N, C-alpha and C. Protein backbone atom coordinates (compact mmCIF):
# COMPACT_ATOMS: atom_id res chain seq x y z
N MET A 1 104.17 -105.15 37.93
CA MET A 1 104.10 -104.12 38.94
C MET A 1 102.97 -102.93 37.82
N LEU A 2 102.57 -102.24 38.78
CA LEU A 2 101.99 -101.15 37.79
C LEU A 2 103.00 -100.05 37.68
N GLU A 3 102.73 -99.53 36.60
CA GLU A 3 103.70 -98.43 36.24
C GLU A 3 103.16 -97.16 36.33
N ARG A 4 103.78 -95.99 36.31
CA ARG A 4 103.66 -94.70 36.71
C ARG A 4 102.06 -94.27 36.55
N HIS A 5 101.66 -94.11 35.26
CA HIS A 5 100.48 -93.67 34.70
C HIS A 5 99.37 -94.32 35.40
N HIS A 6 99.44 -95.62 35.95
CA HIS A 6 98.50 -96.37 36.38
C HIS A 6 98.22 -96.09 37.82
N ILE A 7 99.07 -95.48 38.42
CA ILE A 7 99.37 -95.15 39.52
C ILE A 7 98.52 -93.85 39.71
N GLU A 8 98.94 -93.11 38.62
CA GLU A 8 98.49 -91.60 38.97
C GLU A 8 96.76 -91.75 38.39
N ILE A 9 96.50 -92.54 37.70
CA ILE A 9 95.01 -93.00 37.42
C ILE A 9 94.22 -93.35 38.62
N ILE A 10 94.89 -94.05 39.46
CA ILE A 10 94.00 -94.44 40.61
C ILE A 10 93.64 -93.36 41.31
N LYS A 11 95.04 -92.59 41.64
CA LYS A 11 95.02 -91.27 42.47
C LYS A 11 94.10 -90.36 41.80
N ASN A 12 93.76 -90.28 40.85
CA ASN A 12 92.76 -88.92 40.33
C ASN A 12 91.33 -89.93 40.52
N CYS A 13 91.25 -91.25 40.38
CA CYS A 13 89.69 -91.63 40.97
C CYS A 13 89.55 -91.31 42.69
N ILE A 14 90.37 -91.57 42.90
CA ILE A 14 89.92 -90.86 44.48
C ILE A 14 90.19 -89.62 44.90
N GLU A 15 91.11 -88.76 44.11
CA GLU A 15 90.92 -87.37 44.40
C GLU A 15 89.49 -86.62 43.94
N GLN A 16 89.03 -87.42 42.98
CA GLN A 16 87.80 -86.87 42.54
C GLN A 16 86.47 -87.42 43.16
N SER A 17 86.73 -88.44 44.22
CA SER A 17 85.47 -88.96 44.83
C SER A 17 85.34 -87.78 46.19
N ALA A 18 85.96 -87.01 46.26
CA ALA A 18 85.40 -85.87 47.62
C ALA A 18 85.58 -86.39 48.53
N ILE A 19 86.88 -87.13 48.57
CA ILE A 19 87.39 -87.72 50.36
C ILE A 19 88.50 -86.67 50.41
N THR A 20 88.04 -86.51 51.80
CA THR A 20 88.82 -85.18 52.29
C THR A 20 89.98 -85.35 53.63
N ILE A 21 89.75 -86.70 53.78
CA ILE A 21 90.82 -86.96 54.97
C ILE A 21 92.21 -87.40 54.42
N PRO A 22 93.22 -86.63 54.26
CA PRO A 22 94.35 -87.17 53.68
C PRO A 22 94.89 -88.30 53.89
N THR A 23 94.98 -88.85 55.23
CA THR A 23 95.25 -90.44 55.73
C THR A 23 94.22 -91.40 55.02
N LEU A 24 93.45 -90.99 54.69
CA LEU A 24 92.48 -92.10 54.18
C LEU A 24 92.80 -92.21 52.70
N ARG A 25 92.80 -91.17 52.09
CA ARG A 25 93.29 -91.30 50.60
C ARG A 25 94.44 -92.04 50.48
N ASP A 26 95.76 -92.15 51.30
CA ASP A 26 96.78 -92.45 51.23
C ASP A 26 96.21 -94.02 51.18
N ASP A 27 95.74 -94.47 52.15
CA ASP A 27 95.55 -96.09 52.41
C ASP A 27 94.70 -96.35 51.26
N LEU A 28 93.85 -95.84 50.86
CA LEU A 28 92.80 -96.20 50.07
C LEU A 28 93.93 -96.27 48.77
N LEU A 29 94.74 -95.25 48.47
CA LEU A 29 95.73 -95.41 46.96
C LEU A 29 96.57 -96.88 47.28
N ASP A 30 97.00 -96.89 48.53
CA ASP A 30 97.76 -98.59 48.70
C ASP A 30 97.17 -99.60 48.40
N HIS A 31 95.52 -99.58 48.92
CA HIS A 31 95.20 -100.31 48.88
C HIS A 31 94.78 -101.08 47.17
N LEU A 32 93.86 -100.05 46.82
CA LEU A 32 93.89 -100.05 45.45
C LEU A 32 95.00 -100.61 44.61
N CYS A 33 96.02 -99.93 44.92
CA CYS A 33 97.35 -100.75 43.55
C CYS A 33 97.92 -102.04 44.06
N CYS A 34 97.10 -101.95 45.37
CA CYS A 34 97.86 -103.58 45.75
C CYS A 34 96.82 -104.70 44.74
N VAL A 35 95.16 -104.41 45.11
CA VAL A 35 94.11 -105.34 44.46
C VAL A 35 94.45 -105.22 42.69
N VAL A 36 94.45 -104.11 42.19
CA VAL A 36 94.79 -103.99 40.83
C VAL A 36 95.84 -104.76 40.22
N GLU A 37 96.90 -104.74 41.33
CA GLU A 37 98.02 -105.25 40.68
C GLU A 37 97.99 -106.59 40.73
N GLU A 38 97.25 -107.25 41.44
CA GLU A 38 96.98 -109.24 41.68
C GLU A 38 96.16 -109.06 40.66
N LYS A 39 95.03 -108.25 40.42
CA LYS A 39 94.04 -108.80 39.22
C LYS A 39 94.81 -108.83 37.61
N MET A 40 95.66 -107.68 37.73
CA MET A 40 96.57 -107.96 36.64
C MET A 40 97.40 -108.66 36.44
N LYS A 41 98.28 -109.51 37.33
CA LYS A 41 98.88 -110.51 37.20
C LYS A 41 98.15 -112.00 37.03
N ASP A 42 96.63 -111.54 37.27
CA ASP A 42 95.90 -112.84 36.64
C ASP A 42 95.70 -112.83 35.31
N GLY A 43 96.33 -111.61 34.69
CA GLY A 43 96.03 -111.59 33.24
C GLY A 43 95.05 -110.44 32.95
N LYS A 44 93.89 -109.84 33.77
CA LYS A 44 92.99 -108.79 33.71
C LYS A 44 93.82 -107.39 32.82
N SER A 45 93.21 -106.71 32.07
CA SER A 45 93.44 -105.53 31.91
C SER A 45 93.52 -104.50 32.85
N PHE A 46 94.00 -103.14 32.60
CA PHE A 46 94.15 -102.48 33.70
C PHE A 46 93.02 -101.47 34.17
N GLU A 47 92.17 -101.59 32.99
CA GLU A 47 90.64 -100.88 32.98
C GLU A 47 89.80 -101.92 33.91
N ASP A 48 89.63 -103.06 33.25
CA ASP A 48 88.70 -104.00 33.89
C ASP A 48 89.34 -104.13 35.51
N SER A 49 90.49 -104.21 35.65
CA SER A 49 90.94 -104.39 37.20
C SER A 49 90.85 -103.30 38.19
N ILE A 50 90.85 -101.99 37.41
CA ILE A 50 90.39 -100.79 38.59
C ILE A 50 89.04 -100.89 38.88
N LYS A 51 88.22 -100.98 37.47
CA LYS A 51 86.91 -101.23 37.57
C LYS A 51 86.18 -102.08 38.89
N GLU A 52 86.77 -103.46 38.96
CA GLU A 52 86.60 -104.54 39.83
C GLU A 52 87.00 -104.00 41.02
N ALA A 53 87.86 -103.32 40.84
CA ALA A 53 88.81 -103.18 42.60
C ALA A 53 87.73 -101.99 43.41
N LEU A 54 87.40 -101.15 42.57
CA LEU A 54 86.67 -99.99 42.86
C LEU A 54 85.05 -100.64 43.51
N HIS A 55 84.62 -101.70 42.41
CA HIS A 55 83.22 -101.85 43.01
C HIS A 55 83.32 -102.87 44.15
N GLU A 56 84.73 -103.65 44.10
CA GLU A 56 84.63 -104.66 45.55
C GLU A 56 84.72 -103.66 46.92
N LEU A 57 85.53 -102.86 46.56
CA LEU A 57 85.89 -101.48 47.48
C LEU A 57 84.65 -100.98 48.53
N ALA A 58 84.23 -100.28 46.94
CA ALA A 58 83.28 -99.76 47.60
C ALA A 58 82.17 -99.20 46.57
N PRO A 59 81.31 -100.18 46.27
CA PRO A 59 80.20 -100.26 45.72
C PRO A 59 79.14 -99.30 45.69
N ASP A 60 79.32 -98.51 46.81
CA ASP A 60 78.34 -97.25 46.96
C ASP A 60 79.26 -95.92 46.61
N GLY A 61 80.56 -96.27 46.32
CA GLY A 61 81.39 -94.92 46.16
C GLY A 61 82.43 -94.83 47.14
N LEU A 62 83.43 -94.18 46.63
CA LEU A 62 84.56 -94.14 47.83
C LEU A 62 84.28 -93.13 48.81
N TYR A 63 83.58 -92.07 48.53
CA TYR A 63 83.22 -91.18 49.44
C TYR A 63 82.49 -91.87 50.76
N GLN A 64 81.81 -92.92 50.54
CA GLN A 64 80.72 -93.69 51.40
C GLN A 64 81.62 -94.24 52.64
N ILE A 65 82.86 -94.53 52.10
CA ILE A 65 83.86 -94.66 52.84
C ILE A 65 84.52 -93.85 54.04
N GLU A 66 84.57 -92.59 53.67
CA GLU A 66 84.90 -91.59 54.50
C GLU A 66 83.97 -91.63 55.22
N LYS A 67 82.46 -91.49 55.09
CA LYS A 67 81.44 -91.15 55.72
C LYS A 67 81.24 -92.01 56.98
N ASP A 68 81.27 -93.63 56.61
CA ASP A 68 81.38 -94.88 57.48
C ASP A 68 82.32 -94.58 58.53
N THR A 69 83.58 -94.04 58.01
CA THR A 69 84.66 -94.21 58.80
C THR A 69 84.38 -92.80 59.84
N ILE A 70 83.96 -91.75 59.53
CA ILE A 70 83.55 -90.52 60.53
C ILE A 70 82.46 -91.08 61.71
N MET A 71 81.76 -91.85 61.10
CA MET A 71 80.26 -92.14 61.60
C MET A 71 80.75 -93.40 62.78
N LEU A 72 81.48 -94.53 62.43
CA LEU A 72 82.03 -95.13 63.50
C LEU A 72 83.08 -94.71 64.56
N LEU A 73 83.82 -93.57 63.84
CA LEU A 73 84.57 -93.08 65.14
C LEU A 73 83.84 -91.92 65.84
N THR A 74 82.90 -91.40 65.76
CA THR A 74 81.96 -90.45 66.28
C THR A 74 80.76 -91.01 67.27
N ILE A 75 80.93 -92.70 67.05
CA ILE A 75 79.81 -93.34 67.98
C ILE A 75 81.21 -93.86 69.12
N LYS A 76 82.33 -94.28 68.55
CA LYS A 76 83.29 -94.86 69.74
C LYS A 76 83.59 -93.72 70.68
N LEU A 77 83.52 -92.23 70.17
CA LEU A 77 83.75 -91.39 70.89
C LEU A 77 82.88 -90.71 71.86
N VAL A 78 81.71 -90.66 71.50
CA VAL A 78 80.67 -90.15 72.38
C VAL A 78 80.48 -90.66 73.91
N PRO A 79 80.38 -92.09 74.44
CA PRO A 79 80.86 -92.49 75.42
C PRO A 79 81.90 -91.87 75.85
N MET A 80 82.89 -91.84 75.83
CA MET A 80 84.27 -91.38 76.53
C MET A 80 84.10 -89.60 76.55
N LYS A 81 83.64 -89.21 75.99
CA LYS A 81 82.97 -87.51 75.99
C LYS A 81 82.01 -87.15 76.91
N LYS A 82 81.13 -88.25 77.33
CA LYS A 82 79.98 -88.01 78.20
C LYS A 82 81.01 -88.19 79.56
N VAL A 83 82.15 -89.19 79.61
CA VAL A 83 82.67 -89.80 80.87
C VAL A 83 83.78 -88.30 80.83
N MET A 84 84.03 -87.81 80.13
CA MET A 84 85.06 -87.04 80.14
C MET A 84 84.88 -85.67 80.65
N TYR A 85 83.39 -85.10 79.95
CA TYR A 85 83.19 -83.81 80.57
C TYR A 85 82.38 -83.99 81.94
N SER A 86 81.76 -85.15 82.09
CA SER A 86 81.52 -85.32 83.83
C SER A 86 82.65 -85.65 84.77
N VAL A 87 84.20 -85.98 84.44
CA VAL A 87 85.21 -85.76 85.23
C VAL A 87 85.33 -84.20 85.29
N GLY A 88 85.49 -83.47 84.00
CA GLY A 88 85.78 -82.46 84.40
C GLY A 88 84.64 -81.61 84.93
N LEU A 89 83.53 -81.84 85.11
CA LEU A 89 82.37 -81.02 85.71
C LEU A 89 82.97 -81.34 87.28
N VAL A 90 83.10 -82.65 87.50
CA VAL A 90 83.35 -83.02 88.79
C VAL A 90 84.59 -82.11 89.95
N THR A 91 85.49 -82.61 88.69
CA THR A 91 86.81 -81.75 89.25
C THR A 91 86.64 -80.25 89.20
N SER A 92 86.11 -79.50 88.39
CA SER A 92 86.23 -78.24 88.41
C SER A 92 85.45 -77.74 89.61
N MET A 93 84.54 -78.42 90.10
CA MET A 93 83.47 -77.92 91.20
C MET A 93 84.37 -78.35 92.56
N SER A 94 84.95 -79.35 92.62
CA SER A 94 86.12 -80.12 93.50
C SER A 94 86.82 -78.53 94.08
N MET A 95 87.59 -78.37 92.87
CA MET A 95 88.64 -77.14 93.20
C MET A 95 88.11 -75.88 93.66
N THR A 96 87.01 -75.43 93.13
CA THR A 96 85.96 -74.51 93.39
C THR A 96 86.09 -74.33 94.85
N LEU A 97 85.08 -75.84 94.95
CA LEU A 97 84.91 -75.56 96.66
C LEU A 97 85.98 -75.90 97.62
N GLY A 98 87.48 -76.33 97.06
CA GLY A 98 88.45 -76.35 98.04
C GLY A 98 88.85 -74.72 98.05
N LEU A 99 88.96 -74.27 97.17
CA LEU A 99 89.43 -72.68 97.40
C LEU A 99 88.73 -71.54 98.23
N LEU A 100 87.08 -72.15 97.82
CA LEU A 100 86.09 -71.56 99.23
C LEU A 100 86.40 -71.93 100.38
N PHE A 101 86.67 -73.15 100.47
CA PHE A 101 86.77 -73.75 101.57
C PHE A 101 88.10 -73.08 102.43
N LYS A 102 89.25 -73.40 101.50
CA LYS A 102 90.20 -72.58 101.85
C LYS A 102 90.23 -71.04 102.55
N THR A 103 89.76 -70.23 101.65
CA THR A 103 89.12 -68.89 102.13
C THR A 103 88.66 -68.64 103.49
N LEU A 104 87.43 -69.39 103.53
CA LEU A 104 86.60 -69.69 104.58
C LEU A 104 87.26 -70.06 106.01
N GLY A 105 88.66 -71.10 105.80
CA GLY A 105 89.03 -71.68 106.85
C GLY A 105 88.77 -72.93 107.36
N TRP A 106 87.74 -73.38 106.51
CA TRP A 106 86.80 -74.60 106.85
C TRP A 106 87.48 -76.09 106.34
N LEU A 107 87.62 -76.94 106.96
CA LEU A 107 87.94 -78.04 107.17
C LEU A 107 88.00 -78.79 105.48
N GLY A 108 89.18 -79.56 105.09
CA GLY A 108 88.62 -80.22 103.93
C GLY A 108 89.27 -79.44 102.81
N ALA A 109 89.60 -78.60 102.92
CA ALA A 109 89.93 -77.79 101.70
C ALA A 109 91.09 -78.06 100.70
N ASP A 110 92.36 -78.41 101.93
CA ASP A 110 93.03 -79.36 100.77
C ASP A 110 92.87 -80.42 99.97
N HIS A 111 92.24 -81.27 100.76
CA HIS A 111 91.74 -82.41 100.21
C HIS A 111 90.78 -82.33 98.71
N LEU A 112 89.97 -81.24 99.19
CA LEU A 112 89.08 -81.05 97.70
C LEU A 112 89.76 -80.57 96.71
N PHE A 113 90.79 -79.49 97.07
CA PHE A 113 91.61 -78.78 95.85
C PHE A 113 92.37 -79.70 95.21
N VAL A 114 93.11 -79.98 96.04
CA VAL A 114 94.36 -81.45 95.54
C VAL A 114 94.00 -82.43 94.71
N TYR A 115 92.81 -83.12 95.23
CA TYR A 115 92.43 -84.44 94.27
C TYR A 115 91.82 -84.02 93.30
N GLY A 116 91.11 -82.89 93.62
CA GLY A 116 90.53 -82.42 91.94
C GLY A 116 90.96 -81.94 91.26
N PHE A 117 92.40 -81.63 91.54
CA PHE A 117 93.47 -80.55 90.49
C PHE A 117 93.97 -82.05 89.82
N LEU A 118 94.37 -82.77 90.86
CA LEU A 118 95.23 -84.19 90.63
C LEU A 118 94.31 -84.90 89.21
N ILE A 119 93.05 -85.18 89.83
CA ILE A 119 91.91 -85.87 88.89
C ILE A 119 91.70 -85.12 87.33
N PHE A 120 91.75 -83.85 87.86
CA PHE A 120 91.72 -82.63 86.08
C PHE A 120 92.89 -83.35 85.30
N GLY A 121 94.03 -83.03 86.10
CA GLY A 121 95.21 -83.10 85.14
C GLY A 121 95.52 -84.10 84.72
N LEU A 122 95.66 -85.45 85.77
CA LEU A 122 96.07 -86.74 84.95
C LEU A 122 94.76 -87.56 84.52
N VAL A 123 93.01 -87.14 84.70
CA VAL A 123 92.44 -87.81 83.77
C VAL A 123 91.85 -87.22 82.95
N PHE A 124 91.42 -85.63 83.22
CA PHE A 124 90.39 -85.05 82.32
C PHE A 124 91.20 -84.49 81.36
N LEU A 125 92.34 -84.02 81.47
CA LEU A 125 93.30 -83.34 80.50
C LEU A 125 93.87 -84.62 79.31
N PRO A 126 94.26 -85.52 79.75
CA PRO A 126 94.56 -86.51 79.09
C PRO A 126 93.47 -87.06 78.00
N MET A 127 92.07 -86.99 78.62
CA MET A 127 91.35 -87.46 77.70
C MET A 127 90.87 -86.37 76.63
N VAL A 128 91.00 -85.21 77.19
CA VAL A 128 90.68 -84.27 75.86
C VAL A 128 91.96 -84.13 75.07
N ALA A 129 93.30 -84.36 75.21
CA ALA A 129 94.02 -84.56 74.29
C ALA A 129 93.58 -85.85 73.17
N TYR A 130 93.39 -86.98 73.90
CA TYR A 130 93.09 -88.08 73.56
C TYR A 130 91.93 -87.88 72.14
N THR A 131 90.96 -87.27 72.85
CA THR A 131 89.76 -87.08 72.37
C THR A 131 89.72 -86.05 70.93
N GLY A 132 90.42 -84.96 71.23
CA GLY A 132 91.10 -84.11 70.00
C GLY A 132 91.83 -84.89 69.12
N ILE A 133 92.70 -85.71 69.71
CA ILE A 133 93.61 -86.18 68.35
C ILE A 133 92.69 -87.21 67.64
N LYS A 134 91.72 -87.99 68.18
CA LYS A 134 90.99 -89.05 67.45
C LYS A 134 90.20 -88.43 66.61
N SER A 135 89.51 -87.24 67.12
CA SER A 135 88.42 -86.60 66.31
C SER A 135 89.04 -85.79 65.34
N ASN A 136 90.01 -85.59 65.22
CA ASN A 136 90.66 -84.75 64.35
C ASN A 136 91.88 -85.33 63.48
N PHE A 137 91.54 -86.63 63.65
CA PHE A 137 92.20 -87.92 62.75
C PHE A 137 93.08 -87.50 61.44
N TYR A 138 92.23 -86.61 61.04
CA TYR A 138 92.36 -86.22 59.28
C TYR A 138 93.62 -85.10 59.33
N LYS A 139 93.81 -84.63 60.06
CA LYS A 139 94.97 -83.19 60.42
C LYS A 139 95.97 -84.17 60.22
N SER A 140 97.31 -83.37 60.08
CA SER A 140 98.57 -83.75 60.12
C SER A 140 99.26 -84.47 61.15
N ILE A 141 100.24 -85.02 61.08
CA ILE A 141 101.00 -85.56 62.51
C ILE A 141 101.48 -84.41 63.34
N SER A 142 102.07 -83.29 62.48
CA SER A 142 102.28 -82.28 63.30
C SER A 142 101.27 -81.26 64.14
N GLN A 143 100.25 -81.57 63.65
CA GLN A 143 98.81 -80.88 64.58
C GLN A 143 98.56 -82.16 65.72
N LYS A 144 98.60 -83.23 65.58
CA LYS A 144 98.23 -83.98 66.86
C LYS A 144 99.40 -83.86 67.59
N LEU A 145 100.80 -83.91 67.27
CA LEU A 145 102.12 -83.72 68.02
C LEU A 145 102.02 -82.35 69.18
N ARG A 146 101.36 -81.12 68.11
CA ARG A 146 101.24 -80.13 69.33
C ARG A 146 100.00 -80.12 69.99
N LEU A 147 98.99 -80.88 69.87
CA LEU A 147 97.95 -81.18 70.92
C LEU A 147 98.60 -81.57 72.03
N LEU A 148 99.07 -82.69 71.63
CA LEU A 148 100.01 -83.67 72.69
C LEU A 148 101.06 -82.97 73.21
N PHE A 149 101.77 -82.40 72.94
CA PHE A 149 102.79 -81.57 73.79
C PHE A 149 102.10 -80.47 74.25
N GLY A 150 101.34 -79.51 73.94
CA GLY A 150 100.18 -78.65 74.98
C GLY A 150 99.62 -79.63 76.16
N GLY A 151 99.22 -80.43 76.10
CA GLY A 151 98.36 -81.54 77.03
C GLY A 151 99.83 -81.55 78.06
N LEU A 152 100.78 -82.46 77.93
CA LEU A 152 101.72 -82.57 78.42
C LEU A 152 102.25 -81.29 79.36
N SER A 153 102.34 -80.18 78.68
CA SER A 153 102.71 -79.12 79.33
C SER A 153 101.85 -78.56 80.33
N ALA A 154 101.06 -78.78 79.96
CA ALA A 154 99.67 -78.59 80.86
C ALA A 154 99.55 -79.05 82.27
N ILE A 155 99.57 -80.36 82.07
CA ILE A 155 99.79 -81.37 83.03
C ILE A 155 100.71 -80.84 83.88
N ALA A 156 102.00 -81.14 83.10
CA ALA A 156 103.05 -80.83 84.20
C ALA A 156 103.12 -79.53 85.04
N THR A 157 102.96 -78.43 84.10
CA THR A 157 102.80 -77.20 85.12
C THR A 157 101.67 -77.45 86.00
N GLY A 158 100.57 -78.00 85.93
CA GLY A 158 99.41 -77.97 86.80
C GLY A 158 100.07 -78.78 87.96
N LEU A 159 100.61 -80.21 87.86
CA LEU A 159 101.22 -80.75 89.26
C LEU A 159 102.43 -80.12 89.55
N ALA A 160 103.33 -79.36 89.20
CA ALA A 160 104.13 -78.33 89.80
C ALA A 160 103.51 -77.40 90.77
N LEU A 161 102.22 -76.88 90.19
CA LEU A 161 101.28 -75.97 91.01
C LEU A 161 101.00 -76.46 92.08
N ILE A 162 100.37 -77.72 92.11
CA ILE A 162 100.31 -78.56 93.63
C ILE A 162 101.08 -79.00 93.86
N PHE A 163 102.33 -79.25 93.73
CA PHE A 163 103.36 -79.90 94.59
C PHE A 163 104.07 -78.93 95.18
N LYS A 164 104.02 -77.54 94.59
CA LYS A 164 104.45 -76.33 95.14
C LYS A 164 103.60 -75.99 96.59
N VAL A 165 102.50 -76.03 96.26
CA VAL A 165 101.33 -75.44 97.20
C VAL A 165 101.43 -76.30 98.77
N MET A 166 101.44 -77.58 98.13
CA MET A 166 101.63 -78.91 99.35
C MET A 166 103.13 -79.02 99.86
N HIS A 167 104.03 -78.59 98.91
CA HIS A 167 105.48 -78.62 99.72
C HIS A 167 105.93 -79.82 99.42
N TRP A 168 105.44 -80.45 98.26
CA TRP A 168 106.13 -82.29 98.07
C TRP A 168 106.95 -82.13 97.18
N PRO A 169 108.31 -82.82 97.18
CA PRO A 169 109.38 -82.81 96.29
C PRO A 169 109.18 -83.06 95.00
N GLY A 170 109.87 -82.55 94.41
CA GLY A 170 109.38 -82.73 92.70
C GLY A 170 108.82 -81.20 91.97
N ALA A 171 108.66 -80.55 92.65
CA ALA A 171 107.50 -79.46 91.97
C ALA A 171 109.02 -78.57 91.22
N ASP A 172 109.71 -78.36 91.24
CA ASP A 172 110.66 -77.33 90.41
C ASP A 172 111.12 -78.55 89.50
N GLN A 173 111.28 -79.82 89.51
CA GLN A 173 111.44 -80.71 88.24
C GLN A 173 110.17 -80.95 87.38
N LEU A 174 108.94 -80.77 87.95
CA LEU A 174 107.97 -80.71 86.94
C LEU A 174 107.67 -79.31 86.32
N LEU A 175 108.06 -78.39 87.16
CA LEU A 175 107.93 -76.97 86.62
C LEU A 175 108.71 -76.69 85.41
N VAL A 176 110.32 -77.50 85.49
CA VAL A 176 111.18 -77.27 84.21
C VAL A 176 110.52 -78.12 83.47
N ALA A 177 109.78 -79.44 83.47
CA ALA A 177 109.46 -79.84 82.70
C ALA A 177 108.65 -79.29 81.97
N GLY A 178 107.65 -79.13 82.44
CA GLY A 178 106.48 -78.51 81.79
C GLY A 178 106.86 -77.30 80.95
N ALA A 179 107.85 -76.27 81.53
CA ALA A 179 108.54 -74.93 80.78
C ALA A 179 109.27 -75.38 79.41
N GLY A 180 109.70 -76.50 79.33
CA GLY A 180 110.55 -76.87 78.61
C GLY A 180 109.80 -77.58 77.21
N ILE A 181 108.66 -78.44 77.93
CA ILE A 181 107.83 -78.70 76.90
C ILE A 181 107.35 -77.34 75.99
N PHE A 182 106.60 -76.77 76.72
CA PHE A 182 105.80 -75.42 76.23
C PHE A 182 106.93 -74.84 75.43
N CYS A 183 108.09 -74.48 75.93
CA CYS A 183 109.06 -73.47 75.04
C CYS A 183 109.48 -74.24 73.97
N PHE A 184 109.89 -75.27 74.12
CA PHE A 184 111.04 -76.16 72.91
C PHE A 184 110.33 -76.81 71.96
N LEU A 185 108.72 -77.16 72.35
CA LEU A 185 108.47 -78.15 71.74
C LEU A 185 107.16 -77.86 71.01
N PHE A 186 105.81 -76.89 71.85
CA PHE A 186 104.75 -76.71 71.69
C PHE A 186 104.92 -75.17 70.96
N LEU A 187 105.36 -74.23 71.40
CA LEU A 187 105.52 -73.11 70.97
C LEU A 187 106.18 -73.50 69.42
N PRO A 188 107.60 -73.72 68.95
CA PRO A 188 107.79 -73.98 67.80
C PRO A 188 106.78 -74.37 66.68
N MET A 189 106.33 -75.77 67.18
CA MET A 189 105.41 -76.06 66.49
C MET A 189 104.09 -75.28 65.89
N LEU A 190 103.84 -74.24 66.98
CA LEU A 190 102.58 -73.46 66.99
C LEU A 190 103.07 -72.22 65.96
N PHE A 191 104.15 -71.72 66.28
CA PHE A 191 104.61 -70.63 65.33
C PHE A 191 104.93 -71.07 63.80
N PHE A 192 105.47 -72.47 63.57
CA PHE A 192 105.81 -72.87 62.46
C PHE A 192 104.50 -72.97 61.76
N SER A 193 103.40 -73.48 62.38
CA SER A 193 101.86 -73.77 61.88
C SER A 193 101.31 -72.53 61.37
N LEU A 194 101.49 -71.63 62.23
CA LEU A 194 100.99 -69.93 62.13
C LEU A 194 101.93 -69.25 60.94
N TYR A 195 103.13 -69.47 60.50
CA TYR A 195 103.68 -69.08 59.62
C TYR A 195 103.56 -69.92 58.01
N LYS A 196 102.93 -71.41 58.11
CA LYS A 196 102.82 -71.65 57.23
C LYS A 196 101.31 -71.44 56.61
N LYS A 197 100.33 -71.10 57.58
CA LYS A 197 99.01 -70.42 57.07
C LYS A 197 99.16 -69.27 56.62
N SER A 198 100.24 -68.34 56.87
CA SER A 198 100.42 -66.71 56.47
C SER A 198 100.92 -67.13 55.01
N LEU A 199 101.68 -68.09 54.67
CA LEU A 199 102.13 -68.13 53.31
C LEU A 199 101.21 -68.38 52.28
N LYS A 200 100.26 -69.38 52.88
CA LYS A 200 99.10 -69.67 52.15
C LYS A 200 98.31 -68.56 52.01
N VAL A 201 97.79 -67.98 52.71
CA VAL A 201 97.03 -66.82 52.72
C VAL A 201 97.69 -65.33 51.79
N ALA A 202 99.11 -65.47 51.82
CA ALA A 202 99.43 -64.91 50.77
C ALA A 202 99.65 -65.27 49.60
N ASP A 203 99.83 -66.70 49.32
CA ASP A 203 99.57 -66.90 47.85
C ASP A 203 98.17 -66.92 47.31
N GLN A 204 97.05 -66.57 47.82
CA GLN A 204 95.80 -66.62 47.57
C GLN A 204 95.76 -65.28 46.73
């Protein structure tokens, strides 16, 4: 088993590598500790084990792993972002035309507005939340949850508005759900985050 000072040495190596993603740091620490421990079981010294482990894992340096991770994530998100913005454009146009048709008393106003808003709420907003979470994966779990709760609140409230306008059942329940998520989940996490930031500023 690795001793505590061995783990601290590995941790320092990772911290000195300029890696900025906390979750990636933790994953690298776990991986390196396991590899070093296996090599030491084979009779190698800690110094030789850590050198071999670092060379096998990242021959070009640990920071290269972060660069490769960000590049792969960006490549995966680009097609989704194209679809997301296309959906956002079409649904926004549909809702705008729906309101225009409604004002002028033309046929098709309800269909344009309702279907545009439904796709906007059930497709576009979830895609925005998903890409936001994935592109900001280096942030904390609380920040990801805050984004998720904000998206859910917006979707539920938007659907409640549509249900109200169309006199469909369930509008009140959706409105209560949206308001509940916003008040008791999103807002507390938002203000707690602002409070923590204010403490950091005060300490500087």
